[in-house]
Amino acid sequence: MTGKLRLGVIGAGLKAAEYATSWVKMPEIEFAALADTTAASRQRLLDVCLSAGAPEPKSFEDYRQMLGQCRDELDIVYISTPHAFHAEQATAVAEAGLDLFLEKPMVTTVTEAERLIAAQKKSGVTIVTAFQGGLSPLVLDTRRRALAGEFGELIAISGMIWESWSSNYHGHWKQQPEISGGGFMFDTGAHMMNTVCLLANSDFDSVSAYMNNHGRQVDIATAVSARLKNGALTTLTAAGEGPPGCASYITFFYSKAIVRIDAWGGWREISVGRSAEPREEAEILGNPMKNFLAIRAGKMENSGSVEMGLRFARLWDAIKESAAADGASVRIVA
């Protein structure tokens, strides 16, 4: 026994390989096993471990085989697969009694979220969804101050996010609806939705939405008008085509302050009365595993909890239902 947490990886794609270059150097963990349906992806992650002088993890084509054979050789699992696979894989990890760090979004529907919550409650494992905004110190500080009443009552929220996503990911699995779970709003736009769900500190009450696929199989542009159960009104706009780049602006209008922040928690501006504080900036997390371990150890709030994932899923299901009905208002029953 090395005393390190033994990590299993489900989905050894580019994101996992990118993170592995820093995770393999962490003294707290070691790569024990990995699973991916593609041999080249498995080998790429193995090479990252071996080039760092780490032991070679066990390698599997099927994640179920990995969980079955290595259950007692693992402490934590990281999942980084196409969105539609998250629910089945995450539920299997929870049922195996292993703590889980799950790439965003948590699941694709409310039904999947409820099934995962039931598995988590039964096993008592820790599950964290890896939204950068949810782990950002600026977002978490904003949440603490809002909950403490510093900004007053939440009146309204206006959020937007854009990226040259349609052309950037043309032909990618993210634009294949059977495995992506949605288009731009559910991929990059998920960061905006999650940060709004987290900072609003309220479930949504009703939603009206429109989508335009602009010739793709999935949504490229989305416009949402909604009301929260706390009474605040919300508008969200996602534009998945445009000039090169990616950006987000979310404004929270409180009775005592106006808070502007981006979806990833990279910057924040606060205005109180007629005075505006200087823009604050924070490095967008390059190693979220440190935050996962802090949450697992009880040293940090779990802002990516399954309950927050359910709030997100309820919003997303309502957006899809409304857009399919040409903007008809959808009431969310929590």
C-alpha atoms as a PDB file:
ATOM      1  CA  MET A   1       0.000   0.000   0.000  1.00  0.00           C
ATOM      2  CA  THR A   2       1.321   3.411  -1.002  1.00  0.00           C
ATOM      3  CA  GLY A   3      -1.135   5.491   1.032  1.00  0.00           C
ATOM      4  CA  LYS A   4      -2.260   7.210  -2.141  1.00  0.00           C
ATOM      5  CA  LEU A   5      -5.845   7.306  -3.346  1.00  0.00           C
ATOM      6  CA  ARG A   6      -6.244   4.828  -6.176  1.00  0.00           C
ATOM      7  CA  LEU A   7      -7.876   6.435  -9.209  1.00  0.00           C
ATOM      8  CA  GLY A   8      -9.878   4.739 -11.913  1.00  0.00           C
ATOM      9  CA  VAL A   9     -10.656   6.582 -15.149  1.00  0.00           C
ATOM     10  CA  ILE A  10     -13.677   5.963 -17.372  1.00  0.00           C
ATOM     11  CA  GLY A  11     -13.147   7.713 -20.682  1.00  0.00           C
ATOM     12  CA  ALA A  12      -9.499   8.243 -21.616  1.00  0.00           C
ATOM     13  CA  GLY A  13     -10.047  10.924 -24.252  1.00  0.00           C
ATOM     14  CA  LEU A  14      -8.254  14.216 -24.748  1.00  0.00           C
ATOM     15  CA  LYS A  15      -9.674  15.858 -21.608  1.00  0.00           C
ATOM     16  CA  ALA A  16      -8.602  12.962 -19.399  1.00  0.00           C
ATOM     17  CA  ALA A  17      -5.141  12.903 -20.978  1.00  0.00           C
ATOM     18  CA  GLU A  18      -4.799  16.662 -20.475  1.00  0.00           C
ATOM     19  CA  TYR A  19      -5.666  16.423 -16.799  1.00  0.00           C
ATOM     20  CA  ALA A  20      -3.520  13.319 -16.347  1.00  0.00           C
ATOM     21  CA  THR A  21      -0.353  15.272 -17.097  1.00  0.00           C
ATOM     22  CA  SER A  22      -0.812  17.164 -13.811  1.00  0.00           C
ATOM     23  CA  TRP A  23      -2.672  14.514 -11.817  1.00  0.00           C
ATOM     24  CA  VAL A  24       0.066  11.921 -12.324  1.00  0.00           C
ATOM     25  CA  LYS A  25       2.431  14.266 -10.459  1.00  0.00           C
ATOM     26  CA  MET A  26       0.134  14.690  -7.440  1.00  0.00           C
ATOM     27  CA  PRO A  27       1.372  12.933  -4.297  1.00  0.00           C
ATOM     28  CA  GLU A  28      -2.190  12.205  -3.161  1.00  0.00           C
ATOM     29  CA  ILE A  29      -3.267   9.911  -5.999  1.00  0.00           C
ATOM     30  CA  GLU A  30      -2.090   7.201  -8.359  1.00  0.00           C
ATOM     31  CA  PHE A  31      -3.671   5.916 -11.566  1.00  0.00           C
ATOM     32  CA  ALA A  32      -4.774   2.361 -10.849  1.00  0.00           C
ATOM     33  CA  ALA A  33      -7.054   1.507 -13.772  1.00  0.00           C
ATOM     34  CA  LEU A  34      -8.610   3.003 -16.873  1.00  0.00           C
ATOM     35  CA  ALA A  35     -11.336   2.089 -19.326  1.00  0.00           C
ATOM     36  CA  ASP A  36     -12.069   3.346 -22.827  1.00  0.00           C
ATOM     37  CA  THR A  37     -13.604   1.767 -25.917  1.00  0.00           C
ATOM     38  CA  THR A  38     -10.769   3.111 -28.109  1.00  0.00           C
ATOM     39  CA  ALA A  39      -7.351   1.437 -27.917  1.00  0.00           C
ATOM     40  CA  ALA A  40      -5.514   4.601 -28.991  1.00  0.00           C
ATOM     41  CA  SER A  41      -7.081   6.599 -26.152  1.00  0.00           C
ATOM     42  CA  ARG A  42      -6.169   3.936 -23.621  1.00  0.00           C
ATOM     43  CA  GLN A  43      -2.586   3.884 -24.855  1.00  0.00           C
ATOM     44  CA  ARG A  44      -2.314   7.681 -24.768  1.00  0.00           C
ATOM     45  CA  LEU A  45      -3.267   7.760 -21.095  1.00  0.00           C
ATOM     46  CA  LEU A  46      -0.976   4.842 -20.295  1.00  0.00           C
ATOM     47  CA  ASP A  47       1.868   6.720 -21.985  1.00  0.00           C
ATOM     48  CA  VAL A  48       1.210   9.794 -19.823  1.00  0.00           C
ATOM     49  CA  CYS A  49       1.582   7.659 -16.696  1.00  0.00           C
ATOM     50  CA  LEU A  50       4.649   5.783 -17.891  1.00  0.00           C
ATOM     51  CA  SER A  51       6.442   8.898 -19.128  1.00  0.00           C
ATOM     52  CA  ALA A  52       6.035  10.393 -15.648  1.00  0.00           C
ATOM     53  CA  GLY A  53       7.628   7.321 -14.084  1.00  0.00           C
ATOM     54  CA  ALA A  54       4.343   6.162 -12.553  1.00  0.00           C
ATOM     55  CA  PRO A  55       3.225   2.524 -12.447  1.00  0.00           C
ATOM     56  CA  GLU A  56       1.217   1.314 -15.433  1.00  0.00           C
ATOM     57  CA  PRO A  57      -2.539   1.289 -14.688  1.00  0.00           C
ATOM     58  CA  LYS A  58      -4.648  -1.720 -15.595  1.00  0.00           C
ATOM     59  CA  SER A  59      -6.402  -1.142 -18.905  1.00  0.00           C
ATOM     60  CA  PHE A  60      -9.902  -2.194 -19.976  1.00  0.00           C
ATOM     61  CA  GLU A  61     -12.127  -1.718 -23.014  1.00  0.00           C
ATOM     62  CA  ASP A  62     -15.327  -1.907 -20.928  1.00  0.00           C
ATOM     63  CA  TYR A  63     -15.793   0.176 -17.774  1.00  0.00           C
ATOM     64  CA  ARG A  64     -18.023  -2.534 -16.281  1.00  0.00           C
ATOM     65  CA  GLN A  65     -15.155  -4.974 -16.495  1.00  0.00           C
ATOM     66  CA  MET A  66     -12.910  -2.423 -14.772  1.00  0.00           C
ATOM     67  CA  LEU A  67     -15.376  -1.919 -11.917  1.00  0.00           C
ATOM     68  CA  GLY A  68     -15.955  -5.652 -11.592  1.00  0.00           C
ATOM     69  CA  GLN A  69     -12.306  -6.656 -11.486  1.00  0.00           C
ATOM     70  CA  CYS A  70     -10.803  -3.640  -9.747  1.00  0.00           C
ATOM     71  CA  ARG A  71     -13.511  -2.600  -7.276  1.00  0.00           C
ATOM     72  CA  ASP A  72     -11.309  -3.354  -4.257  1.00  0.00           C
ATOM     73  CA  GLU A  73      -8.293  -1.723  -5.908  1.00  0.00           C
ATOM     74  CA  LEU A  74      -9.945   1.677  -6.369  1.00  0.00           C
ATOM     75  CA  ASP A  75     -10.882   4.587  -4.084  1.00  0.00           C
ATOM     76  CA  ILE A  76     -12.069   7.236  -6.532  1.00  0.00           C
ATOM     77  CA  VAL A  77     -13.212   7.362 -10.158  1.00  0.00           C
ATOM     78  CA  TYR A  78     -13.113  10.108 -12.791  1.00  0.00           C
ATOM     79  CA  ILE A  79     -15.584   9.968 -15.701  1.00  0.00           C
ATOM     80  CA  SER A  80     -14.955  11.870 -18.925  1.00  0.00           C
ATOM     81  CA  THR A  81     -17.182  10.431 -21.654  1.00  0.00           C
ATOM     82  CA  PRO A  82     -19.850  11.799 -24.019  1.00  0.00           C
ATOM     83  CA  HIS A  83     -22.748  13.295 -22.076  1.00  0.00           C
ATOM     84  CA  ALA A  84     -25.324  10.595 -22.804  1.00  0.00           C
ATOM     85  CA  PHE A  85     -23.152   7.950 -21.114  1.00  0.00           C
ATOM     86  CA  HIS A  86     -22.738   9.827 -17.826  1.00  0.00           C
ATOM     87  CA  ALA A  87     -25.881   8.579 -16.090  1.00  0.00           C
ATOM     88  CA  GLU A  88     -25.300   4.854 -16.608  1.00  0.00           C
ATOM     89  CA  GLN A  89     -21.601   5.042 -15.788  1.00  0.00           C
ATOM     90  CA  ALA A  90     -21.974   7.365 -12.785  1.00  0.00           C
ATOM     91  CA  THR A  91     -24.755   5.250 -11.317  1.00  0.00           C
ATOM     92  CA  ALA A  92     -22.610   2.121 -11.688  1.00  0.00           C
ATOM     93  CA  VAL A  93     -19.718   3.842  -9.888  1.00  0.00           C
ATOM     94  CA  ALA A  94     -22.004   4.982  -7.065  1.00  0.00           C
ATOM     95  CA  GLU A  95     -23.482   1.503  -6.733  1.00  0.00           C
ATOM     96  CA  ALA A  96     -19.940   0.147  -6.492  1.00  0.00           C
ATOM     97  CA  GLY A  97     -19.391   2.418  -3.469  1.00  0.00           C
ATOM     98  CA  LEU A  98     -16.711   4.596  -5.034  1.00  0.00           C
ATOM     99  CA  ASP A  99     -16.391   8.369  -4.798  1.00  0.00           C
ATOM    100  CA  LEU A 100     -16.831  10.059  -8.154  1.00  0.00           C
ATOM    101  CA  PHE A 101     -15.499  13.107  -9.975  1.00  0.00           C
ATOM    102  CA  LEU A 102     -17.770  13.503 -13.003  1.00  0.00           C
ATOM    103  CA  GLU A 103     -17.279  15.724 -16.028  1.00  0.00           C
ATOM    104  CA  LYS A 104     -20.062  18.188 -16.757  1.00  0.00           C
ATOM    105  CA  PRO A 105     -22.960  18.041 -17.265  1.00  0.00           C
ATOM    106  CA  MET A 106     -23.915  15.517 -14.593  1.00  0.00           C
ATOM    107  CA  VAL A 107     -26.633  13.769 -16.629  1.00  0.00           C
ATOM    108  CA  THR A 108     -28.965  14.615 -19.525  1.00  0.00           C
ATOM    109  CA  THR A 109     -32.450  14.325 -17.938  1.00  0.00           C
ATOM    110  CA  VAL A 110     -34.304  14.626 -14.630  1.00  0.00           C
ATOM    111  CA  THR A 111     -35.040  10.890 -14.638  1.00  0.00           C
ATOM    112  CA  GLU A 112     -31.324  10.128 -14.879  1.00  0.00           C
ATOM    113  CA  ALA A 113     -30.558  12.636 -12.108  1.00  0.00           C
ATOM    114  CA  GLU A 114     -33.100  11.062  -9.767  1.00  0.00           C
ATOM    115  CA  ARG A 115     -31.695   7.605 -10.434  1.00  0.00           C
ATOM    116  CA  LEU A 116     -28.164   8.791  -9.661  1.00  0.00           C
ATOM    117  CA  ILE A 117     -29.305  10.557  -6.488  1.00  0.00           C
ATOM    118  CA  ALA A 118     -30.964   7.341  -5.294  1.00  0.00           C
ATOM    119  CA  ALA A 119     -27.719   5.410  -5.865  1.00  0.00           C
ATOM    120  CA  GLN A 120     -25.690   8.099  -4.097  1.00  0.00           C
ATOM    121  CA  LYS A 121     -28.023   8.172  -1.101  1.00  0.00           C
ATOM    122  CA  LYS A 122     -27.914   4.384  -0.785  1.00  0.00           C
ATOM    123  CA  SER A 123     -24.127   4.109  -0.951  1.00  0.00           C
ATOM    124  CA  GLY A 124     -23.226   7.417   0.744  1.00  0.00           C
ATOM    125  CA  VAL A 125     -20.437   8.168  -1.730  1.00  0.00           C
ATOM    126  CA  THR A 126     -19.240  11.646  -2.658  1.00  0.00           C
ATOM    127  CA  ILE A 127     -20.156  12.803  -6.171  1.00  0.00           C
ATOM    128  CA  VAL A 128     -18.849  16.073  -7.606  1.00  0.00           C
ATOM    129  CA  THR A 129     -19.627  17.428 -11.077  1.00  0.00           C
ATOM    130  CA  ALA A 130     -16.604  19.182 -12.552  1.00  0.00           C
ATOM    131  CA  PHE A 131     -17.977  22.573 -13.547  1.00  0.00           C
ATOM    132  CA  GLN A 132     -15.163  25.121 -13.529  1.00  0.00           C
ATOM    133  CA  GLY A 133     -17.525  27.862 -12.360  1.00  0.00           C
ATOM    134  CA  GLY A 134     -18.768  25.762  -9.475  1.00  0.00           C
ATOM    135  CA  LEU A 135     -15.191  25.293  -8.281  1.00  0.00           C
ATOM    136  CA  SER A 136     -14.092  28.905  -8.912  1.00  0.00           C
ATOM    137  CA  PRO A 137     -13.148  30.925  -5.809  1.00  0.00           C
ATOM    138  CA  LEU A 138     -14.912  33.992  -7.244  1.00  0.00           C
ATOM    139  CA  VAL A 139     -18.166  32.096  -7.806  1.00  0.00           C
ATOM    140  CA  LEU A 140     -18.005  30.438  -4.392  1.00  0.00           C
ATOM    141  CA  ASP A 141     -17.256  33.776  -2.698  1.00  0.00           C
ATOM    142  CA  THR A 142     -20.182  35.375  -4.533  1.00  0.00           C
ATOM    143  CA  ARG A 143     -22.429  32.543  -3.364  1.00  0.00           C
ATOM    144  CA  ARG A 144     -21.340  32.934   0.270  1.00  0.00           C
ATOM    145  CA  ARG A 145     -21.880  36.685   0.253  1.00  0.00           C
ATOM    146  CA  ALA A 146     -25.253  36.404  -1.464  1.00  0.00           C
ATOM    147  CA  LEU A 147     -26.453  33.773   1.013  1.00  0.00           C
ATOM    148  CA  ALA A 148     -25.291  36.020   3.878  1.00  0.00           C
ATOM    149  CA  GLY A 149     -27.558  38.777   2.547  1.00  0.00           C
ATOM    150  CA  GLU A 150     -24.786  41.220   1.648  1.00  0.00           C
ATOM    151  CA  PHE A 151     -26.249  41.980  -1.783  1.00  0.00           C
ATOM    152  CA  GLY A 152     -29.886  42.060  -0.716  1.00  0.00           C
ATOM    153  CA  GLU A 153     -32.783  40.441  -2.559  1.00  0.00           C
ATOM    154  CA  LEU A 154     -32.186  38.865  -5.969  1.00  0.00           C
ATOM    155  CA  ILE A 155     -34.338  40.745  -8.476  1.00  0.00           C
ATOM    156  CA  ALA A 156     -33.254  39.497 -11.909  1.00  0.00           C
ATOM    157  CA  ILE A 157     -30.542  37.657 -13.842  1.00  0.00           C
ATOM    158  CA  SER A 158     -29.308  38.261 -17.378  1.00  0.00           C
ATOM    159  CA  GLY A 159     -26.873  35.742 -18.866  1.00  0.00           C
ATOM    160  CA  MET A 160     -25.256  35.261 -22.252  1.00  0.00           C
ATOM    161  CA  ILE A 161     -22.629  32.993 -23.690  1.00  0.00           C
ATOM    162  CA  TRP A 162     -21.203  32.669 -27.192  1.00  0.00           C
ATOM    163  CA  GLU A 163     -18.614  30.651 -29.080  1.00  0.00           C
ATOM    164  CA  SER A 164     -17.763  29.713 -32.649  1.00  0.00           C
ATOM    165  CA  TRP A 165     -18.993  26.268 -31.596  1.00  0.00           C
ATOM    166  CA  SER A 166     -20.953  25.222 -34.664  1.00  0.00           C
ATOM    167  CA  SER A 167     -17.904  25.359 -36.911  1.00  0.00           C
ATOM    168  CA  ASN A 168     -15.394  24.370 -34.207  1.00  0.00           C
ATOM    169  CA  TYR A 169     -17.166  21.070 -33.495  1.00  0.00           C
ATOM    170  CA  HIS A 170     -18.674  20.241 -36.875  1.00  0.00           C
ATOM    171  CA  GLY A 171     -18.544  16.438 -37.202  1.00  0.00           C
ATOM    172  CA  HIS A 172     -17.632  16.011 -33.513  1.00  0.00           C
ATOM    173  CA  TRP A 173     -19.656  13.792 -31.158  1.00  0.00           C
ATOM    174  CA  LYS A 174     -20.869  16.966 -29.439  1.00  0.00           C
ATOM    175  CA  GLN A 175     -23.072  17.549 -32.491  1.00  0.00           C
ATOM    176  CA  GLN A 176     -24.463  14.003 -32.544  1.00  0.00           C
ATOM    177  CA  PRO A 177     -27.694  14.246 -30.513  1.00  0.00           C
ATOM    178  CA  GLU A 178     -27.865  10.556 -29.619  1.00  0.00           C
ATOM    179  CA  ILE A 179     -24.712  10.855 -27.501  1.00  0.00           C
ATOM    180  CA  SER A 180     -24.384  14.578 -26.818  1.00  0.00           C
ATOM    181  CA  GLY A 181     -27.708  15.087 -25.054  1.00  0.00           C
ATOM    182  CA  GLY A 182     -28.040  18.513 -26.666  1.00  0.00           C
ATOM    183  CA  GLY A 183     -26.175  21.147 -28.609  1.00  0.00           C
ATOM    184  CA  PHE A 184     -24.388  24.373 -27.743  1.00  0.00           C
ATOM    185  CA  MET A 185     -26.680  25.229 -24.830  1.00  0.00           C
ATOM    186  CA  PHE A 186     -25.980  21.852 -23.220  1.00  0.00           C
ATOM    187  CA  ASP A 187     -22.240  21.922 -23.905  1.00  0.00           C
ATOM    188  CA  THR A 188     -20.619  25.330 -23.484  1.00  0.00           C
ATOM    189  CA  GLY A 189     -23.931  26.831 -22.390  1.00  0.00           C
ATOM    190  CA  ALA A 190     -24.034  24.351 -19.522  1.00  0.00           C
ATOM    191  CA  HIS A 191     -21.393  26.453 -17.757  1.00  0.00           C
ATOM    192  CA  MET A 192     -23.736  29.449 -17.818  1.00  0.00           C
ATOM    193  CA  MET A 193     -26.753  27.431 -16.688  1.00  0.00           C
ATOM    194  CA  ASN A 194     -24.842  25.826 -13.828  1.00  0.00           C
ATOM    195  CA  THR A 195     -23.396  29.103 -12.527  1.00  0.00           C
ATOM    196  CA  VAL A 196     -26.879  30.645 -12.640  1.00  0.00           C
ATOM    197  CA  CYS A 197     -28.377  27.630 -10.829  1.00  0.00           C
ATOM    198  CA  LEU A 198     -25.675  27.838  -8.168  1.00  0.00           C
ATOM    199  CA  LEU A 199     -25.762  31.590  -7.521  1.00  0.00           C
ATOM    200  CA  ALA A 200     -29.531  32.016  -7.817  1.00  0.00           C
ATOM    201  CA  ASN A 201     -29.943  29.687  -4.824  1.00  0.00           C
ATOM    202  CA  SER A 202     -33.394  28.715  -6.105  1.00  0.00           C
ATOM    203  CA  ASP A 203     -35.046  26.198  -8.369  1.00  0.00           C
ATOM    204  CA  PHE A 204     -36.758  27.450 -11.503  1.00  0.00           C
ATOM    205  CA  ASP A 205     -40.540  27.812 -11.492  1.00  0.00           C
ATOM    206  CA  SER A 206     -41.411  28.298 -15.171  1.00  0.00           C
ATOM    207  CA  VAL A 207     -39.480  28.438 -18.434  1.00  0.00           C
ATOM    208  CA  SER A 208     -40.118  29.586 -22.005  1.00  0.00           C
ATOM    209  CA  ALA A 209     -37.481  28.853 -24.641  1.00  0.00           C
ATOM    210  CA  TYR A 210     -36.719  28.955 -28.333  1.00  0.00           C
ATOM    211  CA  MET A 211     -33.968  27.102 -30.213  1.00  0.00           C
ATOM    212  CA  ASN A 212     -32.507  27.362 -33.709  1.00  0.00           C
ATOM    213  CA  ASN A 213     -30.303  24.595 -35.090  1.00  0.00           C
ATOM    214  CA  HIS A 214     -28.991  26.672 -38.008  1.00  0.00           C
ATOM    215  CA  GLY A 215     -28.707  23.605 -40.211  1.00  0.00           C
ATOM    216  CA  ARG A 216     -27.085  21.334 -37.614  1.00  0.00           C
ATOM    217  CA  GLN A 217     -28.600  18.311 -35.841  1.00  0.00           C
ATOM    218  CA  VAL A 218     -28.490  20.080 -32.467  1.00  0.00           C
ATOM    219  CA  ASP A 219     -29.300  23.512 -31.087  1.00  0.00           C
ATOM    220  CA  ILE A 220     -26.882  26.280 -32.030  1.00  0.00           C
ATOM    221  CA  ALA A 221     -28.784  29.285 -30.647  1.00  0.00           C
ATOM    222  CA  THR A 222     -31.086  29.301 -27.614  1.00  0.00           C
ATOM    223  CA  ALA A 223     -33.091  32.043 -25.928  1.00  0.00           C
ATOM    224  CA  VAL A 224     -34.682  31.470 -22.521  1.00  0.00           C
ATOM    225  CA  SER A 225     -37.055  33.561 -20.417  1.00  0.00           C
ATOM    226  CA  ALA A 226     -37.765  32.175 -16.964  1.00  0.00           C
ATOM    227  CA  ARG A 227     -38.995  32.808 -13.443  1.00  0.00           C
ATOM    228  CA  LEU A 228     -37.319  31.382 -10.348  1.00  0.00           C
ATOM    229  CA  LYS A 229     -39.257  30.070  -7.374  1.00  0.00           C
ATOM    230  CA  ASN A 230     -37.781  32.924  -5.329  1.00  0.00           C
ATOM    231  CA  GLY A 231     -39.487  35.358  -7.714  1.00  0.00           C
ATOM    232  CA  ALA A 232     -36.423  36.561  -9.623  1.00  0.00           C
ATOM    233  CA  LEU A 233     -36.756  36.829 -13.403  1.00  0.00           C
ATOM    234  CA  THR A 234     -34.103  35.384 -15.714  1.00  0.00           C
ATOM    235  CA  THR A 235     -33.063  35.629 -19.354  1.00  0.00           C
ATOM    236  CA  LEU A 236     -30.405  33.391 -20.887  1.00  0.00           C
ATOM    237  CA  THR A 237     -29.002  33.663 -24.408  1.00  0.00           C
ATOM    238  CA  ALA A 238     -26.635  31.187 -26.034  1.00  0.00           C
ATOM    239  CA  ALA A 239     -25.144  31.796 -29.482  1.00  0.00           C
ATOM    240  CA  GLY A 240     -23.100  28.884 -30.783  1.00  0.00           C
ATOM    241  CA  GLU A 241     -21.850  30.500 -33.961  1.00  0.00           C
ATOM    242  CA  GLY A 242     -19.909  33.688 -34.524  1.00  0.00           C
ATOM    243  CA  PRO A 243     -16.368  34.982 -34.904  1.00  0.00           C
ATOM    244  CA  PRO A 244     -13.523  32.944 -33.387  1.00  0.00           C
ATOM    245  CA  GLY A 245     -13.545  32.957 -29.605  1.00  0.00           C
ATOM    246  CA  CYS A 246     -15.680  32.207 -26.576  1.00  0.00           C
ATOM    247  CA  ALA A 247     -17.012  34.461 -23.811  1.00  0.00           C
ATOM    248  CA  SER A 248     -19.752  34.797 -21.239  1.00  0.00           C
ATOM    249  CA  TYR A 249     -21.335  37.595 -19.207  1.00  0.00           C
ATOM    250  CA  ILE A 250     -23.819  36.985 -16.404  1.00  0.00           C
ATOM    251  CA  THR A 251     -25.337  39.871 -14.443  1.00  0.00           C
ATOM    252  CA  PHE A 252     -27.110  39.346 -11.125  1.00  0.00           C
ATOM    253  CA  PHE A 253     -29.307  42.292 -10.170  1.00  0.00           C
ATOM    254  CA  TYR A 254     -29.765  42.494  -6.402  1.00  0.00           C
ATOM    255  CA  SER A 255     -31.577  45.145  -4.382  1.00  0.00           C
ATOM    256  CA  LYS A 256     -28.271  46.386  -2.915  1.00  0.00           C
ATOM    257  CA  ALA A 257     -25.720  45.494  -5.596  1.00  0.00           C
ATOM    258  CA  ILE A 258     -25.092  44.391  -9.154  1.00  0.00           C
ATOM    259  CA  VAL A 259     -22.724  41.472  -9.649  1.00  0.00           C
ATOM    260  CA  ARG A 260     -21.252  40.665 -13.059  1.00  0.00           C
ATOM    261  CA  ILE A 261     -19.357  37.429 -13.511  1.00  0.00           C
ATOM    262  CA  ASP A 262     -18.467  35.014 -16.286  1.00  0.00           C
ATOM    263  CA  ALA A 263     -19.726  31.449 -16.493  1.00  0.00           C
ATOM    264  CA  TRP A 264     -16.351  29.939 -15.548  1.00  0.00           C
ATOM    265  CA  GLY A 265     -15.642  32.289 -12.644  1.00  0.00           C
ATOM    266  CA  GLY A 266     -12.640  33.829 -14.379  1.00  0.00           C
ATOM    267  CA  TRP A 267     -13.600  37.420 -13.483  1.00  0.00           C
ATOM    268  CA  ARG A 268     -16.100  39.371 -11.391  1.00  0.00           C
ATOM    269  CA  GLU A 269     -17.274  42.985 -11.088  1.00  0.00           C
ATOM    270  CA  ILE A 270     -19.390  44.257  -8.189  1.00  0.00           C
ATOM    271  CA  SER A 271     -21.222  47.599  -8.099  1.00  0.00           C
ATOM    272  CA  VAL A 272     -22.736  48.892  -4.877  1.00  0.00           C
ATOM    273  CA  GLY A 273     -24.692  52.118  -5.097  1.00  0.00           C
ATOM    274  CA  ARG A 274     -22.828  54.440  -7.449  1.00  0.00           C
ATOM    275  CA  SER A 275     -19.431  52.906  -6.804  1.00  0.00           C
ATOM    276  CA  ALA A 276     -17.930  50.019  -8.757  1.00  0.00           C
ATOM    277  CA  GLU A 277     -15.196  47.836  -7.363  1.00  0.00           C
ATOM    278  CA  PRO A 278     -12.237  47.005  -9.646  1.00  0.00           C
ATOM    279  CA  ARG A 279     -12.595  43.874 -11.773  1.00  0.00           C
ATOM    280  CA  GLU A 280     -11.286  40.808  -9.960  1.00  0.00           C
ATOM    281  CA  GLU A 281      -9.735  37.979 -11.897  1.00  0.00           C
ATOM    282  CA  ALA A 282      -9.025  34.383 -10.958  1.00  0.00           C
ATOM    283  CA  GLU A 283      -7.215  31.698 -12.886  1.00  0.00           C
ATOM    284  CA  ILE A 284      -9.667  29.224 -14.368  1.00  0.00           C
ATOM    285  CA  LEU A 285      -8.855  25.919 -12.752  1.00  0.00           C
ATOM    286  CA  GLY A 286      -6.273  23.811 -14.528  1.00  0.00           C
ATOM    287  CA  ASN A 287      -6.265  21.061 -11.889  1.00  0.00           C
ATOM    288  CA  PRO A 288      -9.776  20.561 -10.483  1.00  0.00           C
ATOM    289  CA  MET A 289      -8.742  17.287  -8.860  1.00  0.00           C
ATOM    290  CA  LYS A 290      -7.376  19.332  -5.941  1.00  0.00           C
ATOM    291  CA  ASN A 291     -10.859  20.759  -5.379  1.00  0.00           C
ATOM    292  CA  PHE A 292     -12.453  17.326  -5.623  1.00  0.00           C
ATOM    293  CA  LEU A 293     -10.101  15.998  -2.963  1.00  0.00           C
ATOM    294  CA  ALA A 294     -10.844  19.004  -0.731  1.00  0.00           C
ATOM    295  CA  ILE A 295     -14.589  18.393  -1.097  1.00  0.00           C
ATOM    296  CA  ARG A 296     -14.115  14.682  -0.420  1.00  0.00           C
ATOM    297  CA  ALA A 297     -12.185  15.527   2.744  1.00  0.00           C
ATOM    298  CA  GLY A 298     -14.921  17.891   3.937  1.00  0.00           C
ATOM    299  CA  LYS A 299     -12.719  20.971   3.614  1.00  0.00           C
ATOM    300  CA  MET A 300     -14.768  22.629   0.853  1.00  0.00           C
ATOM    301  CA  GLU A 301     -18.471  22.979   0.013  1.00  0.00           C
ATOM    302  CA  ASN A 302     -19.692  20.537  -2.626  1.00  0.00           C
ATOM    303  CA  SER A 303     -21.013  23.034  -5.153  1.00  0.00           C
ATOM    304  CA  GLY A 304     -21.211  20.235  -7.735  1.00  0.00           C
ATOM    305  CA  SER A 305     -23.510  17.994  -5.693  1.00  0.00           C
ATOM    306  CA  VAL A 306     -26.124  15.658  -7.143  1.00  0.00           C
ATOM    307  CA  GLU A 307     -28.822  17.981  -5.793  1.00  0.00           C
ATOM    308  CA  MET A 308     -27.355  20.864  -7.806  1.00  0.00           C
ATOM    309  CA  GLY A 309     -27.226  18.528 -10.783  1.00  0.00           C
ATOM    310  CA  LEU A 310     -30.946  17.847 -10.354  1.00  0.00           C
ATOM    311  CA  ARG A 311     -31.707  21.588 -10.343  1.00  0.00           C
ATOM    312  CA  PHE A 312     -29.724  21.890 -13.578  1.00  0.00           C
ATOM    313  CA  ALA A 313     -31.495  18.883 -15.129  1.00  0.00           C
ATOM    314  CA  ARG A 314     -34.921  20.306 -14.308  1.00  0.00           C
ATOM    315  CA  LEU A 315     -33.986  23.544 -16.077  1.00  0.00           C
ATOM    316  CA  TRP A 316     -32.608  21.706 -19.112  1.00  0.00           C
ATOM    317  CA  ASP A 317     -35.628  19.405 -19.453  1.00  0.00           C
ATOM    318  CA  ALA A 318     -37.933  22.444 -19.287  1.00  0.00           C
ATOM    319  CA  ILE A 319     -35.903  24.308 -21.919  1.00  0.00           C
ATOM    320  CA  LYS A 320     -36.130  21.353 -24.306  1.00  0.00           C
ATOM    321  CA  GLU A 321     -39.845  20.867 -23.689  1.00  0.00           C
ATOM    322  CA  SER A 322     -40.642  24.533 -24.217  1.00  0.00           C
ATOM    323  CA  ALA A 323     -38.501  24.855 -27.343  1.00  0.00           C
ATOM    324  CA  ALA A 324     -40.186  21.778 -28.836  1.00  0.00           C
ATOM    325  CA  ALA A 325     -43.546  23.491 -28.228  1.00  0.00           C
ATOM    326  CA  ASP A 326     -42.449  26.730 -29.931  1.00  0.00           C
ATOM    327  CA  GLY A 327     -41.805  28.635 -26.720  1.00  0.00           C
ATOM    328  CA  ALA A 328     -44.828  27.527 -24.710  1.00  0.00           C
ATOM    329  CA  SER A 329     -44.345  28.141 -21.002  1.00  0.00           C
ATOM    330  CA  VAL A 330     -43.379  25.030 -19.018  1.00  0.00           C
ATOM    331  CA  ARG A 331     -44.019  24.837 -15.278  1.00  0.00           C
ATOM    332  CA  ILE A 332     -41.377  22.974 -13.284  1.00  0.00           C
ATOM    333  CA  VAL A 333     -42.732  20.809 -10.479  1.00  0.00           C
ATOM    334  CA  ALA A 334     -39.955  20.138  -7.973  1.00  0.00           C
END
